């Protein structure tokens, strides 16, 4: 039973993060903020195998990408850097002309 509940929580987190990309964000939040937040959420979810699930507080955090993307980005970036996981590419940051967006 415990495994089923954890699996459902992980599935809910995945569904919420993916559905957030189709919804409108908070005032002042751009589509880029929501897209980057969802990329961070996907990276964060990859840390938790589906069989193990993740803490409910993390599921709640992931569900806020559509309503509070800027605050959620800050939380997820901290959690990922604390675990020494590379952050996904942020398309919101301008690249110099002629740049491929990749660093050496």
PDB file of N, CA and C in Angstrom:
ATOM      1  N   UNK A   1       0.826  -1.196   0.000  1.00  0.00           N
ATOM      2  CA  UNK A   1       0.000   0.000   0.000  1.00  0.00           C
ATOM      3  C   UNK A   1       0.865   1.252   0.000  1.00  0.00           C
ATOM      4  N   UNK A   2       1.954   1.207   0.785  1.00  0.00           N
ATOM      5  CA  UNK A   2       2.835   2.366   0.868  1.00  0.00           C
ATOM      6  C   UNK A   2       3.475   2.659  -0.492  1.00  0.00           C
ATOM      7  N   UNK A   3       3.842   1.601  -1.207  1.00  0.00           N
ATOM      8  CA  UNK A   3       4.452   1.764  -2.522  1.00  0.00           C
ATOM      9  C   UNK A   3       3.454   2.381  -3.494  1.00  0.00           C
ATOM     10  N   UNK A   4       2.206   1.984  -3.413  1.00  0.00           N
ATOM     11  CA  UNK A   4       1.168   2.525  -4.289  1.00  0.00           C
ATOM     12  C   UNK A   4       1.000   4.020  -4.037  1.00  0.00           C
ATOM     13  N   UNK A   5       0.963   4.420  -2.784  1.00  0.00           N
ATOM     14  CA  UNK A   5       0.794   5.836  -2.437  1.00  0.00           C
ATOM     15  C   UNK A   5       1.994   6.635  -2.930  1.00  0.00           C
ATOM     16  N   UNK A   6       3.199   6.125  -2.729  1.00  0.00           N
ATOM     17  CA  UNK A   6       4.385   6.824  -3.207  1.00  0.00           C
ATOM     18  C   UNK A   6       4.389   6.917  -4.724  1.00  0.00           C
ATOM     19  N   UNK A   7       3.989   5.858  -5.391  1.00  0.00           N
ATOM     20  CA  UNK A   7       3.904   5.879  -6.855  1.00  0.00           C
ATOM     21  C   UNK A   7       2.892   6.893  -7.346  1.00  0.00           C
ATOM     22  N   UNK A   8       1.754   6.964  -6.678  1.00  0.00           N
ATOM     23  CA  UNK A   8       0.735   7.947  -7.042  1.00  0.00           C
ATOM     24  C   UNK A   8       1.231   9.367  -6.825  1.00  0.00           C
ATOM     25  N   UNK A   9       1.949   9.596  -5.733  1.00  0.00           N
ATOM     26  CA  UNK A   9       2.491  10.931  -5.462  1.00  0.00           C
ATOM     27  C   UNK A   9       3.498  11.328  -6.539  1.00  0.00           C
ATOM     28  N   UNK A  10       4.358  10.395  -6.925  1.00  0.00           N
ATOM     29  CA  UNK A  10       5.338  10.686  -7.975  1.00  0.00           C
ATOM     30  C   UNK A  10       4.646  10.926  -9.308  1.00  0.00           C
ATOM     31  N   UNK A  11       3.638  10.136  -9.609  1.00  0.00           N
ATOM     32  CA  UNK A  11       2.880  10.322 -10.843  1.00  0.00           C
ATOM     33  C   UNK A  11       2.156  11.655 -10.858  1.00  0.00           C
ATOM     34  N   UNK A  12       1.615  12.040  -9.727  1.00  0.00           N
ATOM     35  CA  UNK A  12       0.943  13.332  -9.613  1.00  0.00           C
ATOM     36  C   UNK A  12       1.930  14.460  -9.855  1.00  0.00           C
ATOM     37  N   UNK A  13       3.120  14.344  -9.294  1.00  0.00           N
ATOM     38  CA  UNK A  13       4.139  15.378  -9.488  1.00  0.00           C
ATOM     39  C   UNK A  13       4.497  15.515 -10.957  1.00  0.00           C
ATOM     40  N   UNK A  14       4.656  14.388 -11.636  1.00  0.00           N
ATOM     41  CA  UNK A  14       4.976  14.418 -13.073  1.00  0.00           C
ATOM     42  C   UNK A  14       3.840  15.070 -13.854  1.00  0.00           C
ATOM     43  N   UNK A  15       2.627  14.690 -13.558  1.00  0.00           N
ATOM     44  CA  UNK A  15       1.473  15.235 -14.267  1.00  0.00           C
ATOM     45  C   UNK A  15       1.291  16.717 -14.032  1.00  0.00           C
ATOM     46  N   UNK A  16       1.501  17.149 -12.812  1.00  0.00           N
ATOM     47  CA  UNK A  16       1.354  18.563 -12.487  1.00  0.00           C
ATOM     48  C   UNK A  16       2.413  19.387 -13.205  1.00  0.00           C
ATOM     49  N   UNK A  17       3.648  18.898 -13.184  1.00  0.00           N
ATOM     50  CA  UNK A  17       4.726  19.645 -13.839  1.00  0.00           C
ATOM     51  C   UNK A  17       4.498  19.748 -15.343  1.00  0.00           C
ATOM     52  N   UNK A  18       4.029  18.683 -15.949  1.00  0.00           N
ATOM     53  CA  UNK A  18       3.794  18.712 -17.392  1.00  0.00           C
ATOM     54  C   UNK A  18       2.579  19.559 -17.752  1.00  0.00           C
ATOM     55  N   UNK A  19       1.541  19.492 -16.956  1.00  0.00           N
ATOM     56  CA  UNK A  19       0.355  20.288 -17.262  1.00  0.00           C
ATOM     57  C   UNK A  19       0.585  21.767 -17.008  1.00  0.00           C
ATOM     58  N   UNK A  20       1.549  22.083 -16.174  1.00  0.00           N
ATOM     59  CA  UNK A  20       1.836  23.484 -15.882  1.00  0.00           C
ATOM     60  C   UNK A  20       2.302  24.229 -17.118  1.00  0.00           C
ATOM     61  N   UNK A  21       2.949  23.545 -18.032  1.00  0.00           N
ATOM     62  CA  UNK A  21       3.449  24.217 -19.227  1.00  0.00           C
ATOM     63  C   UNK A  21       2.322  24.694 -20.123  1.00  0.00           C
ATOM     64  N   UNK A  22       1.139  24.118 -19.983  1.00  0.00           N
ATOM     65  CA  UNK A  22       0.018  24.501 -20.816  1.00  0.00           C
ATOM     66  C   UNK A  22      -0.847  25.577 -20.175  1.00  0.00           C
ATOM     67  N   UNK A  23      -0.514  25.978 -18.971  1.00  0.00           N
ATOM     68  CA  UNK A  23      -1.337  26.943 -18.256  1.00  0.00           C
ATOM     69  C   UNK A  23      -0.675  28.312 -18.220  1.00  0.00           C
ATOM     70  N   UNK A  24      -1.475  29.298 -17.938  1.00  0.00           N
ATOM     71  CA  UNK A  24      -0.988  30.668 -17.839  1.00  0.00           C
ATOM     72  C   UNK A  24      -0.297  30.875 -16.499  1.00  0.00           C
ATOM     73  N   UNK A  25       0.788  31.594 -16.469  1.00  0.00           N
ATOM     74  CA  UNK A  25       1.531  31.844 -15.238  1.00  0.00           C
ATOM     75  C   UNK A  25       1.023  33.056 -14.496  1.00  0.00           C
ATOM     76  N   UNK A  26       1.689  33.356 -13.393  1.00  0.00           N
ATOM     77  CA  UNK A  26       1.326  34.504 -12.578  1.00  0.00           C
ATOM     78  C   UNK A  26       1.638  35.789 -13.326  1.00  0.00           C
ATOM     79  N   UNK A  27       1.043  36.889 -12.889  1.00  0.00           N
ATOM     80  CA  UNK A  27       1.318  38.179 -13.503  1.00  0.00           C
ATOM     81  C   UNK A  27       2.796  38.493 -13.359  1.00  0.00           C
ATOM     82  N   UNK A  28       3.422  38.897 -14.430  1.00  0.00           N
ATOM     83  CA  UNK A  28       4.843  39.213 -14.400  1.00  0.00           C
ATOM     84  C   UNK A  28       5.724  38.029 -14.724  1.00  0.00           C
ATOM     85  N   UNK A  29       5.169  36.844 -14.736  1.00  0.00           N
ATOM     86  CA  UNK A  29       5.948  35.657 -15.082  1.00  0.00           C
ATOM     87  C   UNK A  29       5.780  35.403 -16.576  1.00  0.00           C
ATOM     88  N   UNK A  30       6.881  35.168 -17.233  1.00  0.00           N
ATOM     89  CA  UNK A  30       6.825  34.928 -18.666  1.00  0.00           C
ATOM     90  C   UNK A  30       6.683  33.441 -18.953  1.00  0.00           C
ATOM     91  N   UNK A  31       6.386  33.139 -20.206  1.00  0.00           N
ATOM     92  CA  UNK A  31       6.320  31.744 -20.623  1.00  0.00           C
ATOM     93  C   UNK A  31       7.696  31.094 -20.450  1.00  0.00           C
ATOM     94  N   UNK A  32       8.758  31.891 -20.611  1.00  0.00           N
ATOM     95  CA  UNK A  32      10.110  31.381 -20.415  1.00  0.00           C
ATOM     96  C   UNK A  32      10.353  30.951 -18.972  1.00  0.00           C
ATOM     97  N   UNK A  33       9.796  31.722 -18.013  1.00  0.00           N
ATOM     98  CA  UNK A  33       9.920  31.352 -16.603  1.00  0.00           C
ATOM     99  C   UNK A  33       9.269  29.999 -16.345  1.00  0.00           C
ATOM    100  N   UNK A  34       8.081  29.819 -16.890  1.00  0.00           N
ATOM    101  CA  UNK A  34       7.351  28.571 -16.675  1.00  0.00           C
ATOM    102  C   UNK A  34       8.082  27.416 -17.357  1.00  0.00           C
ATOM    103  N   UNK A  35       8.588  27.656 -18.558  1.00  0.00           N
ATOM    104  CA  UNK A  35       9.314  26.608 -19.282  1.00  0.00           C
ATOM    105  C   UNK A  35      10.568  26.190 -18.514  1.00  0.00           C
ATOM    106  N   UNK A  36      11.323  27.173 -18.012  1.00  0.00           N
ATOM    107  CA  UNK A  36      12.538  26.861 -17.249  1.00  0.00           C
ATOM    108  C   UNK A  36      12.193  26.166 -15.936  1.00  0.00           C
ATOM    109  N   UNK A  37      11.140  26.610 -15.279  1.00  0.00           N
ATOM    110  CA  UNK A  37      10.697  25.972 -14.030  1.00  0.00           C
ATOM    111  C   UNK A  37      10.355  24.507 -14.280  1.00  0.00           C
ATOM    112  N   UNK A  38       9.670  24.230 -15.381  1.00  0.00           N
ATOM    113  CA  UNK A  38       9.325  22.848 -15.715  1.00  0.00           C
ATOM    114  C   UNK A  38      10.568  22.017 -16.020  1.00  0.00           C
ATOM    115  N   UNK A  39      11.571  22.633 -16.660  1.00  0.00           N
ATOM    116  CA  UNK A  39      12.828  21.920 -16.929  1.00  0.00           C
ATOM    117  C   UNK A  39      13.537  21.584 -15.617  1.00  0.00           C
ATOM    118  N   UNK A  40      13.529  22.533 -14.678  1.00  0.00           N
ATOM    119  CA  UNK A  40      14.119  22.276 -13.362  1.00  0.00           C
ATOM    120  C   UNK A  40      13.345  21.166 -12.642  1.00  0.00           C
ATOM    121  N   UNK A  41      12.030  21.206 -12.731  1.00  0.00           N
ATOM    122  CA  UNK A  41      11.198  20.194 -12.081  1.00  0.00           C
ATOM    123  C   UNK A  41      11.504  18.811 -12.646  1.00  0.00           C
ATOM    124  N   UNK A  42      11.676  18.730 -13.960  1.00  0.00           N
ATOM    125  CA  UNK A  42      11.992  17.445 -14.586  1.00  0.00           C
ATOM    126  C   UNK A  42      13.345  16.928 -14.088  1.00  0.00           C
ATOM    127  N   UNK A  43      14.340  17.821 -13.992  1.00  0.00           N
ATOM    128  CA  UNK A  43      15.651  17.423 -13.473  1.00  0.00           C
ATOM    129  C   UNK A  43      15.538  16.961 -12.025  1.00  0.00           C
ATOM    130  N   UNK A  44      14.756  17.678 -11.241  1.00  0.00           N
ATOM    131  CA  UNK A  44      14.576  17.326  -9.834  1.00  0.00           C
ATOM    132  C   UNK A  44      13.878  15.976  -9.700  1.00  0.00           C
ATOM    133  N   UNK A  45      12.869  15.732 -10.523  1.00  0.00           N
ATOM    134  CA  UNK A  45      12.136  14.470 -10.462  1.00  0.00           C
ATOM    135  C   UNK A  45      13.028  13.290 -10.811  1.00  0.00           C
ATOM    136  N   UNK A  46      14.022  13.516 -11.659  1.00  0.00           N
ATOM    137  CA  UNK A  46      14.902  12.417 -12.065  1.00  0.00           C
ATOM    138  C   UNK A  46      15.746  11.908 -10.899  1.00  0.00           C
ATOM    139  N   UNK A  47      15.849  12.684  -9.824  1.00  0.00           N
ATOM    140  CA  UNK A  47      16.583  12.259  -8.634  1.00  0.00           C
ATOM    141  C   UNK A  47      15.823  11.194  -7.847  1.00  0.00           C
ATOM    142  N   UNK A  48      14.520  11.096  -8.069  1.00  0.00           N
ATOM    143  CA  UNK A  48      13.665  10.214  -7.281  1.00  0.00           C
ATOM    144  C   UNK A  48      13.102   9.114  -8.158  1.00  0.00           C
ATOM    145  N   UNK A  49      13.609   7.890  -8.013  1.00  0.00           N
ATOM    146  CA  UNK A  49      13.027   6.778  -8.780  1.00  0.00           C
ATOM    147  C   UNK A  49      11.540   6.646  -8.461  1.00  0.00           C
ATOM    148  N   UNK A  50      10.770   6.271  -9.473  1.00  0.00           N
ATOM    149  CA  UNK A  50       9.323   6.177  -9.314  1.00  0.00           C
ATOM    150  C   UNK A  50       8.921   5.235  -8.188  1.00  0.00           C
ATOM    151  N   UNK A  51       9.694   4.170  -7.992  1.00  0.00           N
ATOM    152  CA  UNK A  51       9.357   3.195  -6.962  1.00  0.00           C
ATOM    153  C   UNK A  51       9.478   3.797  -5.560  1.00  0.00           C
ATOM    154  N   UNK A  52      10.374   4.769  -5.397  1.00  0.00           N
ATOM    155  CA  UNK A  52      10.595   5.358  -4.080  1.00  0.00           C
ATOM    156  C   UNK A  52       9.699   6.561  -3.822  1.00  0.00           C
ATOM    157  N   UNK A  53       9.298   7.260  -4.852  1.00  0.00           N
ATOM    158  CA  UNK A  53       8.497   8.455  -4.687  1.00  0.00           C
ATOM    159  C   UNK A  53       9.328   9.595  -4.140  1.00  0.00           C
ATOM    160  N   UNK A  54       8.676  10.658  -3.730  1.00  0.00           N
ATOM    161  CA  UNK A  54       9.369  11.803  -3.155  1.00  0.00           C
ATOM    162  C   UNK A  54       8.516  12.385  -2.042  1.00  0.00           C
ATOM    163  N   UNK A  55       9.149  13.143  -1.173  1.00  0.00           N
ATOM    164  CA  UNK A  55       8.386  13.751  -0.073  1.00  0.00           C
ATOM    165  C   UNK A  55       7.251  14.638  -0.599  1.00  0.00           C
ATOM    166  N   UNK A  56       6.170  14.682   0.140  1.00  0.00           N
ATOM    167  CA  UNK A  56       5.006  15.476  -0.250  1.00  0.00           C
ATOM    168  C   UNK A  56       5.374  16.946  -0.406  1.00  0.00           C
ATOM    169  N   UNK A  57       6.268  17.457   0.438  1.00  0.00           N
ATOM    170  CA  UNK A  57       6.653  18.867   0.332  1.00  0.00           C
ATOM    171  C   UNK A  57       7.306  19.161  -1.019  1.00  0.00           C
ATOM    172  N   UNK A  58       8.058  18.181  -1.550  1.00  0.00           N
ATOM    173  CA  UNK A  58       8.663  18.364  -2.865  1.00  0.00           C
ATOM    174  C   UNK A  58       7.605  18.326  -3.965  1.00  0.00           C
ATOM    175  N   UNK A  59       6.612  17.468  -3.814  1.00  0.00           N
ATOM    176  CA  UNK A  59       5.522  17.400  -4.786  1.00  0.00           C
ATOM    177  C   UNK A  59       4.789  18.733  -4.822  1.00  0.00           C
ATOM    178  N   UNK A  60       4.548  19.317  -3.657  1.00  0.00           N
ATOM    179  CA  UNK A  60       3.869  20.611  -3.580  1.00  0.00           C
ATOM    180  C   UNK A  60       4.720  21.687  -4.251  1.00  0.00           C
ATOM    181  N   UNK A  61       6.025  21.675  -4.006  1.00  0.00           N
ATOM    182  CA  UNK A  61       6.915  22.645  -4.636  1.00  0.00           C
ATOM    183  C   UNK A  61       6.820  22.540  -6.151  1.00  0.00           C
ATOM    184  N   UNK A  62       6.888  21.323  -6.684  1.00  0.00           N
ATOM    185  CA  UNK A  62       6.833  21.131  -8.133  1.00  0.00           C
ATOM    186  C   UNK A  62       5.515  21.609  -8.720  1.00  0.00           C
ATOM    187  N   UNK A  63       4.458  21.523  -7.942  1.00  0.00           N
ATOM    188  CA  UNK A  63       3.145  21.918  -8.456  1.00  0.00           C
ATOM    189  C   UNK A  63       2.994  23.435  -8.581  1.00  0.00           C
ATOM    190  N   UNK A  64       3.951  24.192  -8.089  1.00  0.00           N
ATOM    191  CA  UNK A  64       3.840  25.651  -8.111  1.00  0.00           C
ATOM    192  C   UNK A  64       4.492  26.296  -9.334  1.00  0.00           C
ATOM    193  N   UNK A  65       4.995  25.492 -10.279  1.00  0.00           N
ATOM    194  CA  UNK A  65       5.628  26.066 -11.476  1.00  0.00           C
ATOM    195  C   UNK A  65       4.654  26.942 -12.270  1.00  0.00           C
ATOM    196  N   UNK A  66       3.373  26.597 -12.265  1.00  0.00           N
ATOM    197  CA  UNK A  66       2.416  27.388 -13.038  1.00  0.00           C
ATOM    198  C   UNK A  66       1.912  28.611 -12.286  1.00  0.00           C
ATOM    199  N   UNK A  67       1.881  28.562 -10.971  1.00  0.00           N
ATOM    200  CA  UNK A  67       1.329  29.674 -10.202  1.00  0.00           C
ATOM    201  C   UNK A  67       2.389  30.616  -9.643  1.00  0.00           C
ATOM    202  N   UNK A  68       3.560  30.088  -9.287  1.00  0.00           N
ATOM    203  CA  UNK A  68       4.634  30.901  -8.710  1.00  0.00           C
ATOM    204  C   UNK A  68       5.984  30.485  -9.302  1.00  0.00           C
ATOM    205  N   UNK A  69       6.170  30.658 -10.620  1.00  0.00           N
ATOM    206  CA  UNK A  69       7.386  30.122 -11.242  1.00  0.00           C
ATOM    207  C   UNK A  69       8.682  30.752 -10.730  1.00  0.00           C
ATOM    208  N   UNK A  70       8.696  32.039 -10.484  1.00  0.00           N
ATOM    209  CA  UNK A  70       9.950  32.687 -10.059  1.00  0.00           C
ATOM    210  C   UNK A  70      10.410  32.175  -8.693  1.00  0.00           C
ATOM    211  N   UNK A  71       9.497  32.045  -7.752  1.00  0.00           N
ATOM    212  CA  UNK A  71       9.852  31.539  -6.432  1.00  0.00           C
ATOM    213  C   UNK A  71      10.235  30.061  -6.507  1.00  0.00           C
ATOM    214  N   UNK A  72       9.504  29.303  -7.325  1.00  0.00           N
ATOM    215  CA  UNK A  72       9.774  27.878  -7.456  1.00  0.00           C
ATOM    216  C   UNK A  72      11.130  27.646  -8.120  1.00  0.00           C
ATOM    217  N   UNK A  73      11.483  28.486  -9.097  1.00  0.00           N
ATOM    218  CA  UNK A  73      12.790  28.388  -9.751  1.00  0.00           C
ATOM    219  C   UNK A  73      13.895  28.529  -8.716  1.00  0.00           C
ATOM    220  N   UNK A  74      13.774  29.515  -7.846  1.00  0.00           N
ATOM    221  CA  UNK A  74      14.799  29.741  -6.822  1.00  0.00           C
ATOM    222  C   UNK A  74      14.949  28.515  -5.910  1.00  0.00           C
ATOM    223  N   UNK A  75      13.835  27.941  -5.499  1.00  0.00           N
ATOM    224  CA  UNK A  75      13.869  26.772  -4.612  1.00  0.00           C
ATOM    225  C   UNK A  75      14.495  25.574  -5.320  1.00  0.00           C
ATOM    226  N   UNK A  76      14.055  25.323  -6.557  1.00  0.00           N
ATOM    227  CA  UNK A  76      14.558  24.161  -7.287  1.00  0.00           C
ATOM    228  C   UNK A  76      16.037  24.309  -7.645  1.00  0.00           C
ATOM    229  N   UNK A  77      16.454  25.523  -8.028  1.00  0.00           N
ATOM    230  CA  UNK A  77      17.877  25.735  -8.323  1.00  0.00           C
ATOM    231  C   UNK A  77      18.731  25.446  -7.095  1.00  0.00           C
ATOM    232  N   UNK A  78      18.273  25.878  -5.933  1.00  0.00           N
ATOM    233  CA  UNK A  78      19.028  25.618  -4.706  1.00  0.00           C
ATOM    234  C   UNK A  78      19.083  24.120  -4.411  1.00  0.00           C
ATOM    235  N   UNK A  79      17.949  23.438  -4.525  1.00  0.00           N
ATOM    236  CA  UNK A  79      17.918  22.001  -4.242  1.00  0.00           C
ATOM    237  C   UNK A  79      18.836  21.240  -5.191  1.00  0.00           C
ATOM    238  N   UNK A  80      18.839  21.604  -6.470  1.00  0.00           N
ATOM    239  CA  UNK A  80      19.674  20.903  -7.445  1.00  0.00           C
ATOM    240  C   UNK A  80      21.155  21.209  -7.240  1.00  0.00           C
ATOM    241  N   UNK A  81      21.498  22.465  -6.968  1.00  0.00           N
ATOM    242  CA  UNK A  81      22.910  22.799  -6.759  1.00  0.00           C
ATOM    243  C   UNK A  81      23.425  22.199  -5.451  1.00  0.00           C
ATOM    244  N   UNK A  82      22.579  22.102  -4.436  1.00  0.00           N
ATOM    245  CA  UNK A  82      22.985  21.451  -3.183  1.00  0.00           C
ATOM    246  C   UNK A  82      23.338  19.983  -3.419  1.00  0.00           C
ATOM    247  N   UNK A  83      22.644  19.351  -4.368  1.00  0.00           N
ATOM    248  CA  UNK A  83      22.902  17.945  -4.706  1.00  0.00           C
ATOM    249  C   UNK A  83      23.967  17.815  -5.801  1.00  0.00           C
ATOM    250  N   UNK A  84      24.555  18.963  -6.200  1.00  0.00           N
ATOM    251  CA  UNK A  84      25.592  19.006  -7.246  1.00  0.00           C
ATOM    252  C   UNK A  84      25.103  18.443  -8.579  1.00  0.00           C
ATOM    253  N   UNK A  85      23.865  18.773  -8.915  1.00  0.00           N
ATOM    254  CA  UNK A  85      23.275  18.375 -10.190  1.00  0.00           C
ATOM    255  C   UNK A  85      23.284  19.591 -11.105  1.00  0.00           C
ATOM    256  N   UNK A  86      23.771  19.393 -12.339  1.00  0.00           N
ATOM    257  CA  UNK A  86      23.824  20.487 -13.301  1.00  0.00           C
ATOM    258  C   UNK A  86      22.425  21.006 -13.590  1.00  0.00           C
ATOM    259  N   UNK A  87      22.312  22.332 -13.668  1.00  0.00           N
ATOM    260  CA  UNK A  87      21.036  22.950 -13.994  1.00  0.00           C
ATOM    261  C   UNK A  87      20.802  22.857 -15.497  1.00  0.00           C
ATOM    262  N   UNK A  88      19.540  22.725 -15.918  1.00  0.00           N
ATOM    263  CA  UNK A  88      19.256  22.699 -17.354  1.00  0.00           C
ATOM    264  C   UNK A  88      19.543  24.066 -17.973  1.00  0.00           C
ATOM    265  N   UNK A  89      19.690  24.074 -19.296  1.00  0.00           N
ATOM    266  CA  UNK A  89      19.939  25.324 -20.011  1.00  0.00           C
ATOM    267  C   UNK A  89      18.773  26.284 -19.797  1.00  0.00           C
ATOM    268  N   UNK A  90      19.101  27.535 -19.544  1.00  0.00           N
ATOM    269  CA  UNK A  90      18.096  28.566 -19.308  1.00  0.00           C
ATOM    270  C   UNK A  90      17.991  29.430 -20.558  1.00  0.00           C
ATOM    271  N   UNK A  91      16.927  29.247 -21.336  1.00  0.00           N
ATOM    272  CA  UNK A  91      16.720  30.018 -22.563  1.00  0.00           C
ATOM    273  C   UNK A  91      16.402  31.484 -22.280  1.00  0.00           C
ATOM    274  N   UNK A  92      16.113  31.821 -21.040  1.00  0.00           N
ATOM    275  CA  UNK A  92      15.786  33.209 -20.703  1.00  0.00           C
ATOM    276  C   UNK A  92      17.015  34.098 -20.719  1.00  0.00           C
ATOM    277  N   UNK A  93      18.209  33.494 -20.635  1.00  0.00           N
ATOM    278  CA  UNK A  93      19.450  34.264 -20.599  1.00  0.00           C
ATOM    279  C   UNK A  93      19.917  34.492 -22.026  1.00  0.00           C
ATOM    280  N   UNK A  94      20.148  35.737 -22.364  1.00  0.00           N
ATOM    281  CA  UNK A  94      20.580  36.089 -23.719  1.00  0.00           C
ATOM    282  C   UNK A  94      21.990  35.563 -23.973  1.00  0.00           C
ATOM    283  N   UNK A  95      22.210  35.086 -25.196  1.00  0.00           N
ATOM    284  CA  UNK A  95      23.518  34.601 -25.618  1.00  0.00           C
ATOM    285  C   UNK A  95      24.158  35.664 -26.517  1.00  0.00           C
ATOM    286  N   UNK A  96      25.487  35.797 -26.485  1.00  0.00           N
ATOM    287  CA  UNK A  96      26.155  36.740 -27.373  1.00  0.00           C
ATOM    288  C   UNK A  96      25.921  36.361 -28.836  1.00  0.00           C
ATOM    289  N   UNK A  97      25.921  37.342 -29.744  1.00  0.00           N
ATOM    290  CA  UNK A  97      25.724  37.035 -31.165  1.00  0.00           C
ATOM    291  C   UNK A  97      26.755  36.014 -31.646  1.00  0.00           C
ATOM    292  N   UNK A  98      26.296  35.046 -32.433  1.00  0.00           N
ATOM    293  CA  UNK A  98      27.186  34.019 -32.962  1.00  0.00           C
ATOM    294  C   UNK A  98      27.458  32.889 -32.003  1.00  0.00           C
ATOM    295  N   UNK A  99      26.925  32.960 -30.784  1.00  0.00           N
ATOM    296  CA  UNK A  99      27.134  31.923 -29.794  1.00  0.00           C
ATOM    297  C   UNK A  99      26.190  30.763 -30.048  1.00  0.00           C
ATOM    298  N   UNK A 100      26.653  29.557 -29.760  1.00  0.00           N
ATOM    299  CA  UNK A 100      25.796  28.380 -29.908  1.00  0.00           C
ATOM    300  C   UNK A 100      25.032  28.087 -28.630  1.00  0.00           C
ATOM    301  N   UNK A 101      25.296  28.839 -27.569  1.00  0.00           N
ATOM    302  CA  UNK A 101      24.615  28.607 -26.300  1.00  0.00           C
ATOM    303  C   UNK A 101      25.278  27.545 -25.454  1.00  0.00           C
ATOM    304  N   UNK A 102      26.404  27.011 -25.957  1.00  0.00           N
ATOM    305  CA  UNK A 102      27.116  25.972 -25.210  1.00  0.00           C
ATOM    306  C   UNK A 102      28.462  26.529 -24.738  1.00  0.00           C
ATOM    307  N   UNK A 103      28.814  26.218 -23.526  1.00  0.00           N
ATOM    308  CA  UNK A 103      30.097  26.661 -23.005  1.00  0.00           C
ATOM    309  C   UNK A 103      31.106  25.530 -23.106  1.00  0.00           C
ATOM    310  N   UNK A 104      32.364  25.859 -23.156  1.00  0.00           N
ATOM    311  CA  UNK A 104      33.403  24.839 -23.313  1.00  0.00           C
ATOM    312  C   UNK A 104      33.964  24.460 -21.982  1.00  0.00           C
TER     313      UNK A 104
END
